[in-house]
Amino acid sequence: LLMAQQSAIFCGLMRNTTSQIRDIQGADL
């Protein structure tokens, strides 16, 4: 529980840092 929960929160934080990259679509680069 502790390993999975903390790892999931860590992945969530790292994923949140890239939210604008994933939201802004339509271009290749």
PDB file of all heavy atoms in Angstrom:
ATOM      1  N   LEU A   1       0.828  -1.206   0.000  1.00  0.00           N
ATOM      2  CA  LEU A   1       0.000   0.000   0.000  1.00  0.00           C
ATOM      3  C   LEU A   1       0.860   1.254   0.000  1.00  0.00           C
ATOM      4  O   LEU A   1       0.634   2.175  -0.792  1.00  0.00           O
ATOM      5  CB  LEU A   1      -0.918  -0.009   1.227  1.00  0.00           C
ATOM      6  CG  LEU A   1      -1.701   1.284   1.509  1.00  0.00           C
ATOM      7  CD1 LEU A   1      -2.688   1.559   0.388  1.00  0.00           C
ATOM      8  CD2 LEU A   1      -2.426   1.189   2.845  1.00  0.00           C
ATOM      9  N   LEU A   2       1.848   1.291   0.877  1.00  0.00           N
ATOM     10  CA  LEU A   2       2.685   2.486   0.989  1.00  0.00           C
ATOM     11  C   LEU A   2       3.496   2.706  -0.283  1.00  0.00           C
ATOM     12  O   LEU A   2       3.582   3.835  -0.794  1.00  0.00           O
ATOM     13  CB  LEU A   2       3.610   2.346   2.199  1.00  0.00           C
ATOM     14  CG  LEU A   2       4.389   3.595   2.618  1.00  0.00           C
ATOM     15  CD1 LEU A   2       3.438   4.733   2.942  1.00  0.00           C
ATOM     16  CD2 LEU A   2       5.274   3.287   3.831  1.00  0.00           C
ATOM     17  N   MET A   3       4.067   1.647  -0.828  1.00  0.00           N
ATOM     18  CA  MET A   3       4.882   1.795  -2.039  1.00  0.00           C
ATOM     19  C   MET A   3       4.028   2.189  -3.241  1.00  0.00           C
ATOM     20  O   MET A   3       4.396   3.083  -4.005  1.00  0.00           O
ATOM     21  CB  MET A   3       5.632   0.492  -2.316  1.00  0.00           C
ATOM     22  CG  MET A   3       6.746   0.192  -1.331  1.00  0.00           C
ATOM     23  SD  MET A   3       7.740  -1.256  -1.790  1.00  0.00           S
ATOM     24  CE  MET A   3       6.538  -2.560  -1.530  1.00  0.00           C
ATOM     25  N   ALA A   4       2.885   1.533  -3.409  1.00  0.00           N
ATOM     26  CA  ALA A   4       2.037   1.830  -4.563  1.00  0.00           C
ATOM     27  C   ALA A   4       1.428   3.222  -4.451  1.00  0.00           C
ATOM     28  O   ALA A   4       1.383   3.972  -5.439  1.00  0.00           O
ATOM     29  CB  ALA A   4       0.933   0.772  -4.681  1.00  0.00           C
ATOM     30  N   GLN A   5       0.959   3.573  -3.254  1.00  0.00           N
ATOM     31  CA  GLN A   5       0.302   4.881  -3.099  1.00  0.00           C
ATOM     32  C   GLN A   5       1.284   6.028  -3.297  1.00  0.00           C
ATOM     33  O   GLN A   5       1.001   6.992  -4.006  1.00  0.00           O
ATOM     34  CB  GLN A   5      -0.339   4.959  -1.714  1.00  0.00           C
ATOM     35  CG  GLN A   5      -1.169   6.202  -1.509  1.00  0.00           C
ATOM     36  CD  GLN A   5      -0.607   7.090  -0.396  1.00  0.00           C
ATOM     37  OE1 GLN A   5       0.517   6.911   0.041  1.00  0.00           O
ATOM     38  NE2 GLN A   5      -1.402   8.048   0.023  1.00  0.00           N
ATOM     39  N   GLN A   6       2.460   5.939  -2.697  1.00  0.00           N
ATOM     40  CA  GLN A   6       3.442   7.006  -2.845  1.00  0.00           C
ATOM     41  C   GLN A   6       3.991   7.068  -4.270  1.00  0.00           C
ATOM     42  O   GLN A   6       4.237   8.164  -4.797  1.00  0.00           O
ATOM     43  CB  GLN A   6       4.585   6.794  -1.846  1.00  0.00           C
ATOM     44  CG  GLN A   6       4.200   7.022  -0.399  1.00  0.00           C
ATOM     45  CD  GLN A   6       3.780   8.457  -0.138  1.00  0.00           C
ATOM     46  OE1 GLN A   6       4.544   9.384  -0.330  1.00  0.00           O
ATOM     47  NE2 GLN A   6       2.537   8.641   0.294  1.00  0.00           N
ATOM     48  N   SER A   7       4.160   5.917  -4.904  1.00  0.00           N
ATOM     49  CA  SER A   7       4.618   5.911  -6.295  1.00  0.00           C
ATOM     50  C   SER A   7       3.581   6.531  -7.215  1.00  0.00           C
ATOM     51  O   SER A   7       3.921   7.261  -8.160  1.00  0.00           O
ATOM     52  CB  SER A   7       4.922   4.475  -6.739  1.00  0.00           C
ATOM     53  OG  SER A   7       5.962   3.916  -5.969  1.00  0.00           O
ATOM     54  N   ALA A   8       2.292   6.266  -6.948  1.00  0.00           N
ATOM     55  CA  ALA A   8       1.233   6.836  -7.776  1.00  0.00           C
ATOM     56  C   ALA A   8       1.151   8.353  -7.596  1.00  0.00           C
ATOM     57  O   ALA A   8       0.918   9.087  -8.569  1.00  0.00           O
ATOM     58  CB  ALA A   8      -0.102   6.186  -7.421  1.00  0.00           C
ATOM     59  N   ILE A   9       1.331   8.838  -6.374  1.00  0.00           N
ATOM     60  CA  ILE A   9       1.333  10.285  -6.155  1.00  0.00           C
ATOM     61  C   ILE A   9       2.537  10.924  -6.843  1.00  0.00           C
ATOM     62  O   ILE A   9       2.424  11.996  -7.461  1.00  0.00           O
ATOM     63  CB  ILE A   9       1.335  10.602  -4.647  1.00  0.00           C
ATOM     64  CG1 ILE A   9       0.018  10.158  -4.012  1.00  0.00           C
ATOM     65  CG2 ILE A   9       1.546  12.098  -4.403  1.00  0.00           C
ATOM     66  CD1 ILE A   9      -0.050  10.385  -2.516  1.00  0.00           C
ATOM     67  N   PHE A  10       3.686  10.265  -6.765  1.00  0.00           N
ATOM     68  CA  PHE A  10       4.878  10.773  -7.459  1.00  0.00           C
ATOM     69  C   PHE A  10       4.636  10.837  -8.967  1.00  0.00           C
ATOM     70  O   PHE A  10       4.949  11.851  -9.611  1.00  0.00           O
ATOM     71  CB  PHE A  10       6.073   9.868  -7.150  1.00  0.00           C
ATOM     72  CG  PHE A  10       7.291  10.155  -7.984  1.00  0.00           C
ATOM     73  CD1 PHE A  10       8.069  11.261  -7.730  1.00  0.00           C
ATOM     74  CD2 PHE A  10       7.644   9.316  -9.032  1.00  0.00           C
ATOM     75  CE1 PHE A  10       9.186  11.540  -8.501  1.00  0.00           C
ATOM     76  CE2 PHE A  10       8.753   9.585  -9.809  1.00  0.00           C
ATOM     77  CZ  PHE A  10       9.530  10.686  -9.539  1.00  0.00           C
ATOM     78  N   CYS A  11       4.072   9.769  -9.543  1.00  0.00           N
ATOM     79  CA  CYS A  11       3.773   9.776 -10.978  1.00  0.00           C
ATOM     80  C   CYS A  11       2.763  10.866 -11.309  1.00  0.00           C
ATOM     81  O   CYS A  11       2.857  11.512 -12.363  1.00  0.00           O
ATOM     82  CB  CYS A  11       3.237   8.412 -11.408  1.00  0.00           C
ATOM     83  SG  CYS A  11       4.448   7.085 -11.374  1.00  0.00           S
ATOM     84  N   GLY A  12       1.791  11.086 -10.410  1.00  0.00           N
ATOM     85  CA  GLY A  12       0.809  12.141 -10.630  1.00  0.00           C
ATOM     86  C   GLY A  12       1.448  13.514 -10.649  1.00  0.00           C
ATOM     87  O   GLY A  12       1.114  14.359 -11.499  1.00  0.00           O
ATOM     88  N   LEU A  13       2.363  13.756  -9.722  1.00  0.00           N
ATOM     89  CA  LEU A  13       3.047  15.048  -9.698  1.00  0.00           C
ATOM     90  C   LEU A  13       3.884  15.259 -10.959  1.00  0.00           C
ATOM     91  O   LEU A  13       3.873  16.345 -11.561  1.00  0.00           O
ATOM     92  CB  LEU A  13       3.944  15.144  -8.458  1.00  0.00           C
ATOM     93  CG  LEU A  13       3.254  15.388  -7.121  1.00  0.00           C
ATOM     94  CD1 LEU A  13       4.251  15.296  -5.983  1.00  0.00           C
ATOM     95  CD2 LEU A  13       2.579  16.756  -7.116  1.00  0.00           C
ATOM     96  N   MET A  14       4.626  14.240 -11.358  1.00  0.00           N
ATOM     97  CA  MET A  14       5.431  14.362 -12.568  1.00  0.00           C
ATOM     98  C   MET A  14       4.551  14.557 -13.806  1.00  0.00           C
ATOM     99  O   MET A  14       4.874  15.329 -14.709  1.00  0.00           O
ATOM    100  CB  MET A  14       6.302  13.105 -12.752  1.00  0.00           C
ATOM    101  CG  MET A  14       7.410  12.949 -11.717  1.00  0.00           C
ATOM    102  SD  MET A  14       8.657  14.270 -11.790  1.00  0.00           S
ATOM    103  CE  MET A  14       8.115  15.343 -10.472  1.00  0.00           C
ATOM    104  N   ARG A  15       3.417  13.873 -13.823  1.00  0.00           N
ATOM    105  CA  ARG A  15       2.494  14.025 -14.942  1.00  0.00           C
ATOM    106  C   ARG A  15       1.894  15.434 -14.977  1.00  0.00           C
ATOM    107  O   ARG A  15       1.688  16.009 -16.046  1.00  0.00           O
ATOM    108  CB  ARG A  15       1.395  12.973 -14.831  1.00  0.00           C
ATOM    109  CG  ARG A  15       0.423  12.930 -15.996  1.00  0.00           C
ATOM    110  CD  ARG A  15      -0.556  11.786 -15.803  1.00  0.00           C
ATOM    111  NE  ARG A  15      -1.629  11.804 -16.772  1.00  0.00           N
ATOM    112  CZ  ARG A  15      -1.562  11.317 -17.999  1.00  0.00           C
ATOM    113  NH1 ARG A  15      -0.439  10.758 -18.407  1.00  0.00           N
ATOM    114  NH2 ARG A  15      -2.602  11.362 -18.820  1.00  0.00           N
ATOM    115  N   ASN A  16       1.636  15.992 -13.805  1.00  0.00           N
ATOM    116  CA  ASN A  16       1.066  17.336 -13.749  1.00  0.00           C
ATOM    117  C   ASN A  16       2.025  18.393 -14.295  1.00  0.00           C
ATOM    118  O   ASN A  16       1.585  19.430 -14.783  1.00  0.00           O
ATOM    119  CB  ASN A  16       0.684  17.685 -12.312  1.00  0.00           C
ATOM    120  CG  ASN A  16      -0.562  16.949 -11.851  1.00  0.00           C
ATOM    121  OD1 ASN A  16      -1.189  16.227 -12.627  1.00  0.00           O
ATOM    122  ND2 ASN A  16      -0.920  17.113 -10.594  1.00  0.00           N
ATOM    123  N   THR A  17       3.325  18.143 -14.196  1.00  0.00           N
ATOM    124  CA  THR A  17       4.282  19.125 -14.708  1.00  0.00           C
ATOM    125  C   THR A  17       4.198  19.258 -16.226  1.00  0.00           C
ATOM    126  O   THR A  17       4.660  20.252 -16.784  1.00  0.00           O
ATOM    127  CB  THR A  17       5.720  18.737 -14.319  1.00  0.00           C
ATOM    128  OG1 THR A  17       6.067  17.481 -14.931  1.00  0.00           O
ATOM    129  CG2 THR A  17       5.874  18.625 -12.806  1.00  0.00           C
ATOM    130  N   THR A  18       3.624  18.263 -16.890  1.00  0.00           N
ATOM    131  CA  THR A  18       3.558  18.268 -18.355  1.00  0.00           C
ATOM    132  C   THR A  18       2.129  18.484 -18.858  1.00  0.00           C
ATOM    133  O   THR A  18       1.838  18.175 -20.010  1.00  0.00           O
ATOM    134  CB  THR A  18       4.087  16.932 -18.912  1.00  0.00           C
ATOM    135  OG1 THR A  18       3.228  15.859 -18.473  1.00  0.00           O
ATOM    136  CG2 THR A  18       5.499  16.657 -18.422  1.00  0.00           C
ATOM    137  N   SER A  19       1.256  18.992 -18.018  1.00  0.00           N
ATOM    138  CA  SER A  19      -0.158  19.093 -18.398  1.00  0.00           C
ATOM    139  C   SER A  19      -0.359  19.981 -19.623  1.00  0.00           C
ATOM    140  O   SER A  19      -1.155  19.660 -20.512  1.00  0.00           O
ATOM    141  CB  SER A  19      -0.980  19.622 -17.222  1.00  0.00           C
ATOM    142  OG  SER A  19      -0.521  20.903 -16.820  1.00  0.00           O
ATOM    143  N   GLN A  20       0.357  21.114 -19.696  1.00  0.00           N
ATOM    144  CA  GLN A  20       0.171  22.001 -20.839  1.00  0.00           C
ATOM    145  C   GLN A  20       0.663  21.371 -22.143  1.00  0.00           C
ATOM    146  O   GLN A  20       0.085  21.608 -23.210  1.00  0.00           O
ATOM    147  CB  GLN A  20       0.906  23.323 -20.612  1.00  0.00           C
ATOM    148  CG  GLN A  20       0.020  24.453 -20.136  1.00  0.00           C
ATOM    149  CD  GLN A  20      -0.080  24.454 -18.616  1.00  0.00           C
ATOM    150  OE1 GLN A  20       0.933  24.605 -17.955  1.00  0.00           O
ATOM    151  NE2 GLN A  20      -1.260  24.300 -18.082  1.00  0.00           N
ATOM    152  N   ILE A  21       1.694  20.552 -22.063  1.00  0.00           N
ATOM    153  CA  ILE A  21       2.194  19.874 -23.264  1.00  0.00           C
ATOM    154  C   ILE A  21       1.139  18.916 -23.804  1.00  0.00           C
ATOM    155  O   ILE A  21       0.925  18.808 -25.017  1.00  0.00           O
ATOM    156  CB  ILE A  21       3.503  19.123 -22.949  1.00  0.00           C
ATOM    157  CG1 ILE A  21       4.566  20.104 -22.444  1.00  0.00           C
ATOM    158  CG2 ILE A  21       4.011  18.367 -24.172  1.00  0.00           C
ATOM    159  CD1 ILE A  21       5.837  19.443 -21.985  1.00  0.00           C
ATOM    160  N   ARG A  22       0.447  18.235 -22.890  1.00  0.00           N
ATOM    161  CA  ARG A  22      -0.581  17.285 -23.316  1.00  0.00           C
ATOM    162  C   ARG A  22      -1.879  17.981 -23.717  1.00  0.00           C
ATOM    163  O   ARG A  22      -2.635  17.461 -24.540  1.00  0.00           O
ATOM    164  CB  ARG A  22      -0.832  16.277 -22.194  1.00  0.00           C
ATOM    165  CG  ARG A  22       0.347  15.331 -21.977  1.00  0.00           C
ATOM    166  CD  ARG A  22       0.131  14.354 -20.843  1.00  0.00           C
ATOM    167  NE  ARG A  22       0.249  14.998 -19.543  1.00  0.00           N
ATOM    168  CZ  ARG A  22      -0.725  15.101 -18.664  1.00  0.00           C
ATOM    169  NH1 ARG A  22      -1.926  14.616 -18.939  1.00  0.00           N
ATOM    170  NH2 ARG A  22      -0.528  15.685 -17.491  1.00  0.00           N
ATOM    171  N   ASP A  23      -2.147  19.135 -23.130  1.00  0.00           N
ATOM    172  CA  ASP A  23      -3.389  19.852 -23.455  1.00  0.00           C
ATOM    173  C   ASP A  23      -3.310  20.572 -24.799  1.00  0.00           C
ATOM    174  O   ASP A  23      -4.290  20.626 -25.545  1.00  0.00           O
ATOM    175  CB  ASP A  23      -3.712  20.870 -22.360  1.00  0.00           C
ATOM    176  CG  ASP A  23      -4.323  20.222 -21.124  1.00  0.00           C
ATOM    177  OD1 ASP A  23      -4.915  19.132 -21.268  1.00  0.00           O
ATOM    178  OD2 ASP A  23      -4.208  20.790 -20.032  1.00  0.00           O
ATOM    179  N   ILE A  24      -2.152  21.158 -25.085  1.00  0.00           N
ATOM    180  CA  ILE A  24      -1.998  21.943 -26.315  1.00  0.00           C
ATOM    181  C   ILE A  24      -1.663  20.987 -27.455  1.00  0.00           C
ATOM    182  O   ILE A  24      -0.539  20.505 -27.570  1.00  0.00           O
ATOM    183  CB  ILE A  24      -0.907  23.017 -26.144  1.00  0.00           C
ATOM    184  CG1 ILE A  24      -1.318  23.989 -25.026  1.00  0.00           C
ATOM    185  CG2 ILE A  24      -0.670  23.766 -27.440  1.00  0.00           C
ATOM    186  CD1 ILE A  24      -0.265  24.996 -24.664  1.00  0.00           C
ATOM    187  N   GLN A  25      -2.660  20.703 -28.271  1.00  0.00           N
ATOM    188  CA  GLN A  25      -2.518  19.720 -29.339  1.00  0.00           C
ATOM    189  C   GLN A  25      -2.751  20.375 -30.694  1.00  0.00           C
ATOM    190  O   GLN A  25      -3.130  21.531 -30.787  1.00  0.00           O
ATOM    191  CB  GLN A  25      -3.503  18.568 -29.113  1.00  0.00           C
ATOM    192  CG  GLN A  25      -3.287  17.833 -27.800  1.00  0.00           C
ATOM    193  CD  GLN A  25      -4.285  16.720 -27.593  1.00  0.00           C
ATOM    194  OE1 GLN A  25      -5.157  16.470 -28.422  1.00  0.00           O
ATOM    195  NE2 GLN A  25      -4.162  16.019 -26.486  1.00  0.00           N
ATOM    196  N   GLY A  26      -2.514  19.588 -31.727  1.00  0.00           N
ATOM    197  CA  GLY A  26      -2.722  20.081 -33.087  1.00  0.00           C
ATOM    198  C   GLY A  26      -1.440  20.315 -33.841  1.00  0.00           C
ATOM    199  O   GLY A  26      -1.454  20.397 -35.075  1.00  0.00           O
ATOM    200  N   ALA A  27      -0.322  20.434 -33.126  1.00  0.00           N
ATOM    201  CA  ALA A  27       0.978  20.647 -33.768  1.00  0.00           C
ATOM    202  C   ALA A  27       1.865  19.434 -33.534  1.00  0.00           C
ATOM    203  O   ALA A  27       1.641  18.637 -32.612  1.00  0.00           O
ATOM    204  CB  ALA A  27       1.646  21.906 -33.222  1.00  0.00           C
ATOM    205  N   ASP A  28       2.881  19.301 -34.361  1.00  0.00           N
ATOM    206  CA  ASP A  28       3.817  18.181 -34.249  1.00  0.00           C
ATOM    207  C   ASP A  28       4.992  18.496 -33.332  1.00  0.00           C
ATOM    208  O   ASP A  28       5.582  17.586 -32.746  1.00  0.00           O
ATOM    209  CB  ASP A  28       4.360  17.784 -35.621  1.00  0.00           C
ATOM    210  CG  ASP A  28       3.299  17.143 -36.503  1.00  0.00           C
ATOM    211  OD1 ASP A  28       2.349  16.559 -35.937  1.00  0.00           O
ATOM    212  OD2 ASP A  28       3.412  17.230 -37.731  1.00  0.00           O
ATOM    213  N   LEU A  29       5.343  19.763 -33.227  1.00  0.00           N
ATOM    214  CA  LEU A  29       6.540  20.088 -32.452  1.00  0.00           C
ATOM    215  C   LEU A  29       6.463  21.500 -31.880  1.00  0.00           C
ATOM    216  O   LEU A  29       5.669  22.333 -32.323  1.00  0.00           O
ATOM    217  CB  LEU A  29       7.802  19.923 -33.311  1.00  0.00           C
ATOM    218  CG  LEU A  29       7.823  20.625 -34.666  1.00  0.00           C
ATOM    219  CD1 LEU A  29       8.648  21.885 -34.590  1.00  0.00           C
ATOM    220  CD2 LEU A  29       8.386  19.690 -35.727  1.00  0.00           C
TER     221      LEU A  29
END
